[in-house]
């Protein structure tokens, strides 16, 4: 679709799409979430020419809640040490953004976590056995439960992924439809393993690094008793533009003898610049006075499955 196209022809005639703001285009490496041209509003993630991501503020109360949360966390006058530590675990918020083409649409401008990567391999994992918030209607609760029932046991669900294949120069993608065909016994072997596999080899070096990053997230959730998060995701990005042979020779082997060992130095491993792990989606954040055990249960499930992959 050309950048300035505002209509498209569908089966029943012409469907009107919101005009794309000047200097933007639909997010090319999106794996989940609202997509431009799809859904009721047709609004979706955009990428700006300056390398940032534009996320449209959703309808209230979800959209305003997420916007307020970003503003609170990244307020330069904020002195809450818990929220200050949280900044490093989120995409950086750069304020709101509007355009003359769509003056009624407000976007949140965020740093694109994948922008620095040549061939970003991306996965979106929704964390927590419970994905509905305390204000959800009975109908909403039932819909959420039916989306991926195994989440009650494994603690998380995969929403989307894409992995670069160096041998073919193509990305292999999977969406929520595929992942919802899995169960608690196959989500690790056919979900996570699918995402972390390049050239027929499991990227255990990346998995070890992701586990190191998850330790930092786990630490934050174990010290905070102010917030609880529902339907929040962990976004994982790793560099896919790597020659597998060179990687095996110059770094530790993908299937080395100590491949099940997670060696974190100050919370990070040796390929820090080639892996990012961030918390995203804050439309369902609520106050609390206790640990967020729902999120922690999901996080522990992810960590357990990643450690299982290291033993494969």
Foldseek 3Di string as FASTA:
>chain_A
DDQQDQWDADPVGIDGFQGHFPQKDWDPPDWDDQTQCDDDNSDAWIAGNVQKIWGWQDDPDLSVQVVVLLCQLPVPPDPPPLSVLQCVQAFRWDAWDDHPSCRPIITTITHDPCSVAPFKKKWKKFFFLQQDAPPDDPVRRVVRCPLAVLCVPLGIFTAKIWAAAQVVRDIDIDGSVVRSVDHLVCCLVPNVQVSQDYPNFGQLVQLLFVLLLLVSVLVSLVPDFWKAAHRKIKMKIFHRPDDLVCCVVVHPHSLDPCSLDRDDDVSGDDPVVGMGIHIDRGSRMDTGRGGHVRRVSRSVSVSVSSSVVSVD
